[in-house]
Amino acid sequence: MLRLNPTFVAGEYLYFILAAATFYHAYTHRITGNSLGLWFGCLLSGAVVEFFTILSPEIGNFYHTQASVMVVGKVEPLYMILGCYAGIQYLAVQLAFTFGADAKQNLLRKLGLALFSGLTGRYLWSLLDIVGAHLLWWTWHESDELYSAKICGVPIASSFWILSETACIGLVYALTRTRSTLLISTLMFLLVPVLFNIPFAVLYHPIEQYGRPDVALYLMEAIGVIAALGLLAGHHSTKCSRHLFGIAVAFVLIHLVILLVDRSEMPHKLRYSYGQPFVYRDCQGEQETVFWGMMTRDRFLCPAKMSAEKLYTLNCLAEMPVEGKWYWLCGVGMTFEVFIRIIVEFLKSLALLLLIYVAKGNEKRKAD
């Protein structure tokens, strides 16, 4: 793995470090706001959603690349559960709750904190999604309708999913953060996998029917921005530890460095892992029914479907892969236009952190 895709291995262990750093913050702040309950809640609720998505034959539209530490029959990398669901979502919610340091908030502000949590989770996770997609850290099903519309190579539904899920975590935390670690984590485990489907049913899928799922995502982002500005204008106390803010800044900059360093190496990346079943024939028209009878998609991946917009190809291979679920794929280069759009995504994340920093600075000046 170090030879084929070294930044993937580096990224895996950076996410283990993120998990450890956020857990340390949660453990040392477990008395005020019970951060430990939030960390375990992010871990458990994320694991439920992830395993259900990966393991259910009715979904099964996302395929991880083999990392050095895999669980559940080599289909799930441990870094995803610990570093991404626990680490990123904990970080996102805690950053959002910078605008709600006092646990005694009215219901409207609690809703605002939840929406801002979703926005923060969306912007932080998007960096992982972008880097991971372009560097072959995973692949998506090539013809699944839910994942067909993309921004910067990342399915819009995936971005909406993370925004919705993190917002639901923020909502449960806003309502329960004075409770015990066990109660907070248990409620997140039980409620978040159900609640995050509501924005999909109410907003995403109705708008998607008109062929513009991006509108649903941008609308949720706009609501999150309005919520953040409303929280900022509410003249409530703000509090963000240097430890937490430093983690967030490092997170953004490290992903930017990985992208810049590996941009020229993308066509030379190799991936060997499980994926959509591969066959060496013209497989167009061979379909399967999924999502409990509500959707059809192509059953196989074959050379005829390796179109230019894909983030992987077979061009670097000396011979065609063996048919089946495990096979080799090659990376593709990134156009300058895509690169600029990705840089905009990074700037959005930095702008969000700047907003939090300014709010923190204003509160300090008021105290002085």
Foldseek 3Di string as FASTA:
>chain_A
DCVQFVVLQVVLVVLVVLLVLQCVVQVVCCQQLRLLLLLLLLLQQVVVVVCCQCPPPQHNFKFFFQYPAADDVRGHHPSCRRRPRRRLLSLLLQLLCLLVSDLPDDPLLLLLSLLLSLLLQLLLVVLVQLLCQLQVRMDGHDWFPQQPDDALRGRLNVSLLRSLLSSVSSNLSSVDSNHHSVVSSVCSNPPSVPRSCVLCVPAQVVVVVVVCSVVSVVVSNVSSVVSSVVSLVPPDHGDDDPSSLVSLVCSLVVSVVSCVVCQVVQQSRKTWGFHQWEDADPQPPQWDAHPVRPDITGRYDYQVSPDPVHQWHCVVDPDDFDTTGTTMIGGDHDDPVSVVSVVVSSVVSVVSSVSSVVSNVVNVVVVD
